[in-house]
Amino acid sequence: MVQGLAPLRVTLNYSKRVNSRLYERSLPSQAKEIKSGKMHRNFTQLHIHCVWGTWDRLPLITPDIQEIIYSAIVKQCSDLGCKIIAIGGTVDHVHLLTGFPPNLTISELMQKAKGSSSHLITHEIKPHEFFKWQGGYGAFTVSNQLIDQVADYIRNQATHHHQKSLISDWEII
């Protein structure tokens, strides 16, 4: 498992005292409410790194449609209430880092992001050419402390693939 990635499980322990002023200063105001035991509203901070590929890992994400695909994915995610942090990839796969609301399942997010982008390409942009996503995907939770590192990895996909400096757990699909 990659350091900093955790399963989708949150445990709050009010009895354990955190001995760090830096920690308290870095918490959003809602998290400070949780720590103090004064919860007046719901607070979630959910970040997910998703990876999925083209059908049979064919090089279908050509330069002429790459930004169109990314824009369609970003629009769909925004419509679902997600906050896009980073999107990137290569000719045969996409990485997406997003914050998402607690009422959205990961499978729904992936189904709609993949479905809307595929539909756009196959029905409007290149209706007479083959384009299809593979059926599966990878999804990894990301801690607050690693958001910048994961976002940089995603934004620099072409460089990582060229230099073969990949994080294998994130390239499994």
N, C-alpha and C. Protein backbone atom coordinates (compact mmCIF):
# COMPACT_ATOMS: atom_id res chain seq x y z
N MET A 1 0.84 -1.19 0.00
CA MET A 1 0.00 0.00 0.00
C MET A 1 0.88 1.24 0.00
N VAL A 2 0.48 2.25 -0.73
CA VAL A 2 1.23 3.50 -0.81
C VAL A 2 1.08 4.27 0.49
N GLN A 3 2.19 4.81 0.98
CA GLN A 3 2.16 5.56 2.23
C GLN A 3 1.21 6.74 2.12
N GLY A 4 0.37 6.94 3.12
CA GLY A 4 -0.55 8.06 3.16
C GLY A 4 -1.94 7.73 2.64
N LEU A 5 -2.11 6.57 2.00
CA LEU A 5 -3.43 6.17 1.53
C LEU A 5 -4.06 5.30 2.60
N ALA A 6 -5.32 5.53 2.86
CA ALA A 6 -6.00 4.80 3.91
C ALA A 6 -7.31 4.26 3.38
N PRO A 7 -7.82 3.19 3.98
CA PRO A 7 -9.13 2.71 3.56
C PRO A 7 -10.20 3.75 3.90
N LEU A 8 -11.36 3.64 3.25
CA LEU A 8 -12.44 4.59 3.51
C LEU A 8 -13.06 4.31 4.88
N ARG A 9 -12.42 4.80 5.90
CA ARG A 9 -12.91 4.63 7.26
C ARG A 9 -12.40 5.80 8.08
N VAL A 10 -13.28 6.41 8.84
CA VAL A 10 -12.88 7.53 9.68
C VAL A 10 -13.21 7.19 11.12
N THR A 11 -12.27 7.37 11.99
CA THR A 11 -12.48 7.15 13.41
C THR A 11 -12.11 8.43 14.14
N LEU A 12 -13.03 8.95 14.89
CA LEU A 12 -12.76 10.14 15.70
C LEU A 12 -12.63 9.70 17.15
N ASN A 13 -11.58 10.09 17.77
CA ASN A 13 -11.34 9.72 19.16
C ASN A 13 -11.18 11.00 19.96
N TYR A 14 -12.26 11.41 20.65
CA TYR A 14 -12.23 12.65 21.40
C TYR A 14 -11.40 12.55 22.67
N SER A 15 -11.23 11.33 23.19
CA SER A 15 -10.50 11.19 24.45
C SER A 15 -8.99 11.30 24.25
N LYS A 16 -8.50 11.09 23.06
CA LYS A 16 -7.06 11.17 22.80
C LYS A 16 -6.68 12.62 22.53
N ARG A 17 -5.79 13.16 23.30
CA ARG A 17 -5.39 14.55 23.15
C ARG A 17 -4.26 14.65 22.13
N VAL A 18 -4.41 15.55 21.18
CA VAL A 18 -3.39 15.78 20.18
C VAL A 18 -2.47 16.87 20.69
N ASN A 19 -1.18 16.58 20.75
CA ASN A 19 -0.22 17.52 21.32
C ASN A 19 0.51 18.25 20.19
N SER A 20 -0.22 19.11 19.46
CA SER A 20 0.43 19.84 18.38
C SER A 20 -0.37 21.08 18.04
N ARG A 21 0.22 22.24 18.28
CA ARG A 21 -0.46 23.48 17.92
C ARG A 21 -0.54 23.63 16.41
N LEU A 22 0.49 23.13 15.68
CA LEU A 22 0.48 23.19 14.23
C LEU A 22 -0.73 22.44 13.68
N TYR A 23 -1.03 21.28 14.27
CA TYR A 23 -2.19 20.49 13.86
C TYR A 23 -3.46 21.31 14.02
N GLU A 24 -3.63 21.95 15.15
CA GLU A 24 -4.84 22.74 15.40
C GLU A 24 -4.95 23.91 14.43
N ARG A 25 -3.84 24.57 14.12
CA ARG A 25 -3.89 25.71 13.19
C ARG A 25 -4.22 25.25 11.77
N SER A 26 -3.85 24.02 11.40
CA SER A 26 -4.07 23.55 10.04
C SER A 26 -5.48 23.02 9.82
N LEU A 27 -6.24 22.81 10.88
CA LEU A 27 -7.58 22.28 10.74
C LEU A 27 -8.56 23.34 10.24
N PRO A 28 -9.42 22.98 9.29
CA PRO A 28 -10.51 23.90 8.93
C PRO A 28 -11.41 24.12 10.14
N SER A 29 -12.18 25.17 10.11
CA SER A 29 -13.02 25.50 11.27
C SER A 29 -13.98 24.37 11.64
N GLN A 30 -14.52 23.66 10.64
CA GLN A 30 -15.43 22.56 10.94
C GLN A 30 -14.70 21.44 11.67
N ALA A 31 -13.44 21.17 11.30
CA ALA A 31 -12.68 20.12 11.96
C ALA A 31 -12.37 20.52 13.40
N LYS A 32 -12.17 21.81 13.63
CA LYS A 32 -11.94 22.28 15.00
C LYS A 32 -13.19 22.05 15.85
N GLU A 33 -14.36 22.20 15.22
CA GLU A 33 -15.60 21.91 15.94
C GLU A 33 -15.65 20.45 16.34
N ILE A 34 -15.23 19.56 15.44
CA ILE A 34 -15.23 18.13 15.76
C ILE A 34 -14.31 17.87 16.94
N LYS A 35 -13.10 18.41 16.87
CA LYS A 35 -12.10 18.19 17.91
C LYS A 35 -12.61 18.71 19.26
N SER A 36 -13.30 19.85 19.24
CA SER A 36 -13.78 20.43 20.49
C SER A 36 -15.04 19.74 21.01
N GLY A 37 -15.63 18.87 20.17
CA GLY A 37 -16.85 18.18 20.58
C GLY A 37 -18.10 19.00 20.33
N LYS A 38 -17.99 20.15 19.68
CA LYS A 38 -19.13 21.02 19.40
C LYS A 38 -19.49 20.92 17.91
N MET A 39 -20.29 19.93 17.57
CA MET A 39 -20.68 19.74 16.17
C MET A 39 -22.05 20.36 15.93
N HIS A 40 -22.07 21.44 15.17
CA HIS A 40 -23.33 22.11 14.85
C HIS A 40 -23.82 21.74 13.45
N ARG A 41 -22.97 21.14 12.66
CA ARG A 41 -23.33 20.72 11.31
C ARG A 41 -22.42 19.57 10.89
N ASN A 42 -22.76 18.92 9.79
CA ASN A 42 -21.93 17.83 9.29
C ASN A 42 -20.63 18.38 8.70
N PHE A 43 -19.58 17.60 8.84
CA PHE A 43 -18.30 17.95 8.24
C PHE A 43 -17.69 16.71 7.63
N THR A 44 -17.37 16.79 6.35
CA THR A 44 -16.62 15.71 5.70
C THR A 44 -15.51 16.34 4.88
N GLN A 45 -14.46 15.57 4.73
CA GLN A 45 -13.32 16.00 3.92
C GLN A 45 -12.85 14.74 3.19
N LEU A 46 -13.48 14.47 2.06
CA LEU A 46 -13.27 13.22 1.34
C LEU A 46 -12.55 13.51 0.02
N HIS A 47 -11.38 12.93 -0.14
CA HIS A 47 -10.61 13.10 -1.37
C HIS A 47 -10.31 11.73 -1.95
N ILE A 48 -10.50 11.61 -3.25
CA ILE A 48 -10.31 10.32 -3.91
C ILE A 48 -9.48 10.50 -5.17
N HIS A 49 -8.57 9.58 -5.38
CA HIS A 49 -7.75 9.53 -6.60
C HIS A 49 -8.27 8.35 -7.41
N CYS A 50 -8.83 8.64 -8.56
CA CYS A 50 -9.39 7.61 -9.43
C CYS A 50 -8.52 7.45 -10.67
N VAL A 51 -8.40 6.22 -11.13
CA VAL A 51 -7.64 5.91 -12.33
C VAL A 51 -8.45 4.93 -13.16
N TRP A 52 -8.56 5.21 -14.46
CA TRP A 52 -9.21 4.26 -15.35
C TRP A 52 -8.60 4.37 -16.74
N GLY A 53 -8.77 3.29 -17.49
CA GLY A 53 -8.12 3.23 -18.79
C GLY A 53 -9.09 3.09 -19.95
N THR A 54 -8.53 3.24 -21.13
CA THR A 54 -9.30 3.02 -22.35
C THR A 54 -9.45 1.52 -22.58
N TRP A 55 -10.35 1.17 -23.46
CA TRP A 55 -10.60 -0.22 -23.79
C TRP A 55 -9.31 -0.90 -24.26
N ASP A 56 -8.95 -2.00 -23.63
CA ASP A 56 -7.73 -2.75 -23.95
C ASP A 56 -6.48 -1.88 -23.92
N ARG A 57 -6.54 -0.77 -23.20
CA ARG A 57 -5.44 0.20 -23.10
C ARG A 57 -4.98 0.69 -24.47
N LEU A 58 -5.94 0.80 -25.38
CA LEU A 58 -5.65 1.35 -26.70
C LEU A 58 -5.35 2.84 -26.58
N PRO A 59 -4.50 3.40 -27.42
CA PRO A 59 -4.16 4.83 -27.34
C PRO A 59 -5.27 5.70 -27.96
N LEU A 60 -6.41 5.75 -27.29
CA LEU A 60 -7.60 6.43 -27.83
C LEU A 60 -7.70 7.89 -27.44
N ILE A 61 -6.96 8.31 -26.40
CA ILE A 61 -7.03 9.70 -25.95
C ILE A 61 -5.98 10.49 -26.73
N THR A 62 -6.35 10.84 -27.93
CA THR A 62 -5.44 11.54 -28.82
C THR A 62 -5.40 13.03 -28.46
N PRO A 63 -4.32 13.72 -28.85
CA PRO A 63 -4.20 15.14 -28.48
C PRO A 63 -5.39 16.01 -28.89
N ASP A 64 -6.04 15.66 -30.00
CA ASP A 64 -7.17 16.47 -30.46
C ASP A 64 -8.42 16.35 -29.60
N ILE A 65 -8.51 15.28 -28.80
CA ILE A 65 -9.70 15.12 -27.94
C ILE A 65 -9.38 15.09 -26.45
N GLN A 66 -8.10 15.13 -26.09
CA GLN A 66 -7.73 15.02 -24.67
C GLN A 66 -8.39 16.09 -23.81
N GLU A 67 -8.27 17.35 -24.20
CA GLU A 67 -8.87 18.43 -23.40
C GLU A 67 -10.40 18.36 -23.40
N ILE A 68 -10.98 17.89 -24.48
CA ILE A 68 -12.44 17.73 -24.55
C ILE A 68 -12.89 16.68 -23.53
N ILE A 69 -12.15 15.58 -23.49
CA ILE A 69 -12.46 14.51 -22.52
C ILE A 69 -12.32 15.03 -21.10
N TYR A 70 -11.20 15.69 -20.82
CA TYR A 70 -10.98 16.22 -19.47
C TYR A 70 -12.06 17.22 -19.09
N SER A 71 -12.44 18.08 -20.01
CA SER A 71 -13.49 19.07 -19.74
C SER A 71 -14.83 18.40 -19.45
N ALA A 72 -15.15 17.36 -20.19
CA ALA A 72 -16.40 16.64 -19.96
C ALA A 72 -16.40 15.98 -18.58
N ILE A 73 -15.27 15.41 -18.20
CA ILE A 73 -15.15 14.76 -16.88
C ILE A 73 -15.28 15.81 -15.78
N VAL A 74 -14.58 16.92 -15.94
CA VAL A 74 -14.63 18.00 -14.94
C VAL A 74 -16.05 18.54 -14.81
N LYS A 75 -16.73 18.75 -15.93
CA LYS A 75 -18.11 19.26 -15.89
C LYS A 75 -19.03 18.28 -15.16
N GLN A 76 -18.93 17.00 -15.50
CA GLN A 76 -19.78 16.01 -14.86
C GLN A 76 -19.51 15.93 -13.36
N CYS A 77 -18.25 15.95 -12.99
CA CYS A 77 -17.89 15.90 -11.56
C CYS A 77 -18.42 17.13 -10.83
N SER A 78 -18.28 18.29 -11.45
CA SER A 78 -18.81 19.53 -10.84
C SER A 78 -20.31 19.44 -10.67
N ASP A 79 -21.01 18.92 -11.68
CA ASP A 79 -22.46 18.75 -11.59
C ASP A 79 -22.85 17.82 -10.45
N LEU A 80 -21.97 16.90 -10.09
CA LEU A 80 -22.23 15.96 -9.00
C LEU A 80 -21.84 16.52 -7.63
N GLY A 81 -21.30 17.74 -7.62
CA GLY A 81 -20.92 18.38 -6.36
C GLY A 81 -19.49 18.12 -5.95
N CYS A 82 -18.68 17.64 -6.88
CA CYS A 82 -17.26 17.36 -6.58
C CYS A 82 -16.42 18.61 -6.80
N LYS A 83 -15.31 18.68 -6.10
CA LYS A 83 -14.33 19.74 -6.28
C LYS A 83 -13.12 19.12 -6.97
N ILE A 84 -12.89 19.48 -8.22
CA ILE A 84 -11.78 18.90 -8.98
C ILE A 84 -10.47 19.54 -8.50
N ILE A 85 -9.52 18.69 -8.17
CA ILE A 85 -8.21 19.16 -7.74
C ILE A 85 -7.20 18.99 -8.87
N ALA A 86 -7.24 17.85 -9.55
CA ALA A 86 -6.31 17.61 -10.66
C ALA A 86 -6.89 16.55 -11.59
N ILE A 87 -6.56 16.68 -12.86
CA ILE A 87 -6.91 15.67 -13.86
C ILE A 87 -5.74 15.60 -14.83
N GLY A 88 -5.44 14.40 -15.26
CA GLY A 88 -4.33 14.21 -16.20
C GLY A 88 -4.31 12.77 -16.67
N GLY A 89 -3.34 12.46 -17.49
CA GLY A 89 -3.23 11.09 -17.98
C GLY A 89 -2.36 11.02 -19.21
N THR A 90 -2.52 9.92 -19.92
CA THR A 90 -1.78 9.70 -21.15
C THR A 90 -2.78 9.24 -22.22
N VAL A 91 -2.26 8.69 -23.30
CA VAL A 91 -3.13 8.28 -24.41
C VAL A 91 -4.04 7.11 -24.06
N ASP A 92 -3.74 6.39 -22.96
CA ASP A 92 -4.54 5.21 -22.65
C ASP A 92 -5.16 5.17 -21.26
N HIS A 93 -5.02 6.23 -20.47
CA HIS A 93 -5.68 6.25 -19.17
C HIS A 93 -5.78 7.66 -18.61
N VAL A 94 -6.65 7.80 -17.60
CA VAL A 94 -6.91 9.08 -16.95
C VAL A 94 -6.75 8.92 -15.44
N HIS A 95 -6.19 9.97 -14.82
CA HIS A 95 -6.13 10.08 -13.36
C HIS A 95 -6.99 11.28 -12.97
N LEU A 96 -7.74 11.16 -11.91
CA LEU A 96 -8.59 12.23 -11.41
C LEU A 96 -8.44 12.31 -9.90
N LEU A 97 -8.17 13.50 -9.38
CA LEU A 97 -8.14 13.73 -7.93
C LEU A 97 -9.25 14.72 -7.63
N THR A 98 -10.16 14.32 -6.78
CA THR A 98 -11.31 15.15 -6.50
C THR A 98 -11.76 15.03 -5.05
N GLY A 99 -12.32 16.12 -4.55
CA GLY A 99 -13.04 16.08 -3.29
C GLY A 99 -14.48 15.76 -3.64
N PHE A 100 -15.14 14.95 -2.85
CA PHE A 100 -16.51 14.58 -3.21
C PHE A 100 -17.43 14.60 -2.00
N PRO A 101 -18.72 14.84 -2.24
CA PRO A 101 -19.68 14.93 -1.13
C PRO A 101 -20.02 13.54 -0.58
N PRO A 102 -20.45 13.48 0.67
CA PRO A 102 -20.71 12.18 1.30
C PRO A 102 -21.92 11.44 0.74
N ASN A 103 -22.79 12.14 0.02
CA ASN A 103 -23.97 11.47 -0.54
C ASN A 103 -23.71 10.86 -1.92
N LEU A 104 -22.48 10.96 -2.41
CA LEU A 104 -22.12 10.42 -3.72
C LEU A 104 -21.25 9.18 -3.53
N THR A 105 -21.63 8.08 -4.16
CA THR A 105 -20.79 6.89 -4.08
C THR A 105 -19.68 6.97 -5.12
N ILE A 106 -18.61 6.27 -4.85
CA ILE A 106 -17.50 6.25 -5.81
C ILE A 106 -17.94 5.61 -7.11
N SER A 107 -18.73 4.55 -7.03
CA SER A 107 -19.18 3.89 -8.26
C SER A 107 -20.07 4.82 -9.09
N GLU A 108 -20.90 5.63 -8.44
CA GLU A 108 -21.73 6.59 -9.18
C GLU A 108 -20.86 7.67 -9.82
N LEU A 109 -19.89 8.17 -9.09
CA LEU A 109 -18.96 9.15 -9.63
C LEU A 109 -18.27 8.60 -10.88
N MET A 110 -17.74 7.39 -10.79
CA MET A 110 -17.02 6.80 -11.91
C MET A 110 -17.95 6.50 -13.09
N GLN A 111 -19.12 5.97 -12.81
CA GLN A 111 -20.07 5.66 -13.88
C GLN A 111 -20.42 6.92 -14.66
N LYS A 112 -20.69 8.00 -13.96
CA LYS A 112 -21.12 9.23 -14.63
C LYS A 112 -19.95 9.96 -15.31
N ALA A 113 -18.79 9.97 -14.69
CA ALA A 113 -17.63 10.63 -15.31
C ALA A 113 -17.22 9.90 -16.58
N LYS A 114 -17.13 8.58 -16.50
CA LYS A 114 -16.75 7.79 -17.68
C LYS A 114 -17.86 7.84 -18.73
N GLY A 115 -19.10 7.69 -18.29
CA GLY A 115 -20.23 7.65 -19.22
C GLY A 115 -20.43 8.95 -19.99
N SER A 116 -20.36 10.07 -19.29
CA SER A 116 -20.60 11.35 -19.98
C SER A 116 -19.49 11.67 -20.97
N SER A 117 -18.23 11.38 -20.61
CA SER A 117 -17.13 11.67 -21.53
C SER A 117 -17.16 10.73 -22.73
N SER A 118 -17.46 9.47 -22.51
CA SER A 118 -17.55 8.52 -23.61
C SER A 118 -18.70 8.87 -24.55
N HIS A 119 -19.83 9.24 -23.97
CA HIS A 119 -20.99 9.61 -24.78
C HIS A 119 -20.68 10.83 -25.64
N LEU A 120 -20.02 11.82 -25.07
CA LEU A 120 -19.66 13.03 -25.82
C LEU A 120 -18.78 12.68 -27.02
N ILE A 121 -17.76 11.87 -26.80
CA ILE A 121 -16.85 11.52 -27.89
C ILE A 121 -17.56 10.68 -28.95
N THR A 122 -18.30 9.66 -28.54
CA THR A 122 -18.89 8.73 -29.51
C THR A 122 -20.14 9.27 -30.21
N HIS A 123 -20.78 10.28 -29.64
CA HIS A 123 -22.00 10.80 -30.26
C HIS A 123 -21.84 12.19 -30.87
N GLU A 124 -20.85 12.97 -30.41
CA GLU A 124 -20.74 14.34 -30.93
C GLU A 124 -19.39 14.65 -31.55
N ILE A 125 -18.31 14.26 -30.92
CA ILE A 125 -16.98 14.67 -31.37
C ILE A 125 -16.46 13.76 -32.48
N LYS A 126 -16.50 12.46 -32.27
CA LYS A 126 -16.02 11.50 -33.27
C LYS A 126 -17.01 10.34 -33.38
N PRO A 127 -18.20 10.59 -33.92
CA PRO A 127 -19.24 9.56 -33.92
C PRO A 127 -18.92 8.33 -34.77
N HIS A 128 -18.00 8.44 -35.69
CA HIS A 128 -17.71 7.30 -36.56
C HIS A 128 -16.39 6.61 -36.20
N GLU A 129 -15.82 6.97 -35.04
CA GLU A 129 -14.58 6.35 -34.60
C GLU A 129 -14.81 5.62 -33.28
N PHE A 130 -14.02 4.60 -33.06
CA PHE A 130 -14.13 3.80 -31.84
C PHE A 130 -13.56 4.55 -30.64
N PHE A 131 -14.33 4.61 -29.57
CA PHE A 131 -13.85 5.13 -28.29
C PHE A 131 -14.65 4.43 -27.20
N LYS A 132 -13.93 3.91 -26.22
CA LYS A 132 -14.60 3.21 -25.12
C LYS A 132 -13.65 3.13 -23.93
N TRP A 133 -14.20 3.26 -22.72
CA TRP A 133 -13.43 3.06 -21.50
C TRP A 133 -13.49 1.59 -21.13
N GLN A 134 -12.47 1.11 -20.42
CA GLN A 134 -12.55 -0.24 -19.88
C GLN A 134 -13.59 -0.26 -18.77
N GLY A 135 -14.01 -1.43 -18.38
CA GLY A 135 -15.07 -1.53 -17.39
C GLY A 135 -14.67 -1.15 -15.98
N GLY A 136 -13.43 -1.39 -15.60
CA GLY A 136 -13.02 -1.17 -14.22
C GLY A 136 -12.37 0.17 -13.97
N TYR A 137 -11.98 0.37 -12.72
CA TYR A 137 -11.27 1.58 -12.31
C TYR A 137 -10.57 1.30 -10.99
N GLY A 138 -9.64 2.15 -10.65
CA GLY A 138 -9.02 2.12 -9.34
C GLY A 138 -9.42 3.37 -8.59
N ALA A 139 -9.61 3.26 -7.28
CA ALA A 139 -9.97 4.42 -6.46
C ALA A 139 -9.21 4.33 -5.15
N PHE A 140 -8.54 5.42 -4.80
CA PHE A 140 -7.68 5.46 -3.62
C PHE A 140 -8.03 6.69 -2.80
N THR A 141 -8.21 6.52 -1.51
CA THR A 141 -8.42 7.68 -0.66
C THR A 141 -7.09 8.42 -0.50
N VAL A 142 -7.17 9.73 -0.34
CA VAL A 142 -5.97 10.56 -0.22
C VAL A 142 -6.11 11.43 1.02
N SER A 143 -5.10 11.40 1.86
CA SER A 143 -5.12 12.23 3.06
C SER A 143 -4.86 13.68 2.69
N ASN A 144 -5.30 14.59 3.55
CA ASN A 144 -5.08 16.02 3.32
C ASN A 144 -3.61 16.35 3.10
N GLN A 145 -2.75 15.69 3.84
CA GLN A 145 -1.32 15.99 3.76
C GLN A 145 -0.70 15.61 2.42
N LEU A 146 -1.32 14.70 1.68
CA LEU A 146 -0.74 14.24 0.42
C LEU A 146 -1.44 14.77 -0.82
N ILE A 147 -2.39 15.67 -0.66
CA ILE A 147 -3.13 16.16 -1.82
C ILE A 147 -2.19 16.81 -2.85
N ASP A 148 -1.29 17.66 -2.40
CA ASP A 148 -0.38 18.33 -3.35
C ASP A 148 0.52 17.33 -4.07
N GLN A 149 1.03 16.35 -3.35
CA GLN A 149 1.90 15.34 -3.95
C GLN A 149 1.15 14.53 -5.01
N VAL A 150 -0.05 14.09 -4.69
CA VAL A 150 -0.84 13.32 -5.65
C VAL A 150 -1.23 14.18 -6.84
N ALA A 151 -1.62 15.43 -6.59
CA ALA A 151 -2.00 16.34 -7.68
C ALA A 151 -0.81 16.57 -8.62
N ASP A 152 0.38 16.75 -8.08
CA ASP A 152 1.57 16.91 -8.92
C ASP A 152 1.82 15.67 -9.76
N TYR A 153 1.66 14.50 -9.16
CA TYR A 153 1.84 13.24 -9.88
C TYR A 153 0.86 13.17 -11.06
N ILE A 154 -0.38 13.55 -10.83
CA ILE A 154 -1.40 13.50 -11.86
C ILE A 154 -1.11 14.51 -12.97
N ARG A 155 -0.77 15.72 -12.60
CA ARG A 155 -0.51 16.77 -13.59
C ARG A 155 0.71 16.47 -14.45
N ASN A 156 1.62 15.65 -13.94
CA ASN A 156 2.86 15.35 -14.66
C ASN A 156 2.90 13.92 -15.19
N GLN A 157 1.75 13.41 -15.59
CA GLN A 157 1.67 12.04 -16.08
C GLN A 157 2.59 11.77 -17.27
N ALA A 158 2.62 12.67 -18.24
CA ALA A 158 3.46 12.44 -19.42
C ALA A 158 4.92 12.28 -19.02
N THR A 159 5.39 13.13 -18.12
CA THR A 159 6.77 13.06 -17.65
C THR A 159 7.03 11.76 -16.90
N HIS A 160 6.12 11.38 -16.00
CA HIS A 160 6.30 10.14 -15.23
C HIS A 160 6.36 8.92 -16.14
N HIS A 161 5.52 8.90 -17.17
CA HIS A 161 5.53 7.75 -18.08
C HIS A 161 6.78 7.76 -18.96
N HIS A 162 7.21 8.92 -19.37
CA HIS A 162 8.42 9.03 -20.19
C HIS A 162 9.65 8.59 -19.39
N GLN A 163 9.74 9.03 -18.14
CA GLN A 163 10.89 8.72 -17.28
C GLN A 163 10.73 7.39 -16.55
N LYS A 164 9.58 6.79 -16.69
CA LYS A 164 9.26 5.54 -15.99
C LYS A 164 9.36 5.70 -14.46
N SER A 165 8.98 6.89 -13.98
CA SER A 165 8.98 7.17 -12.54
C SER A 165 7.54 7.08 -12.03
N LEU A 166 6.97 5.90 -12.17
CA LEU A 166 5.56 5.69 -11.85
C LEU A 166 5.39 5.14 -10.45
N ILE A 167 4.25 5.40 -9.88
CA ILE A 167 3.86 4.77 -8.61
C ILE A 167 2.98 3.60 -8.99
N SER A 168 3.50 2.39 -8.84
CA SER A 168 2.86 1.21 -9.41
C SER A 168 1.43 1.00 -8.92
N ASP A 169 1.16 1.28 -7.65
CA ASP A 169 -0.20 1.08 -7.15
C ASP A 169 -1.20 1.98 -7.87
N TRP A 170 -0.77 3.12 -8.38
CA TRP A 170 -1.67 4.03 -9.05
C TRP A 170 -1.75 3.77 -10.54
N GLU A 171 -1.00 2.83 -11.04
CA GLU A 171 -0.98 2.52 -12.47
C GLU A 171 -1.46 1.10 -12.74
N ILE A 172 -2.24 0.53 -11.81
CA ILE A 172 -2.62 -0.88 -11.89
C ILE A 172 -3.69 -1.18 -12.93
N ILE A 173 -4.41 -0.19 -13.33
CA ILE A 173 -5.56 -0.44 -14.19
C ILE A 173 -5.13 -0.73 -15.61
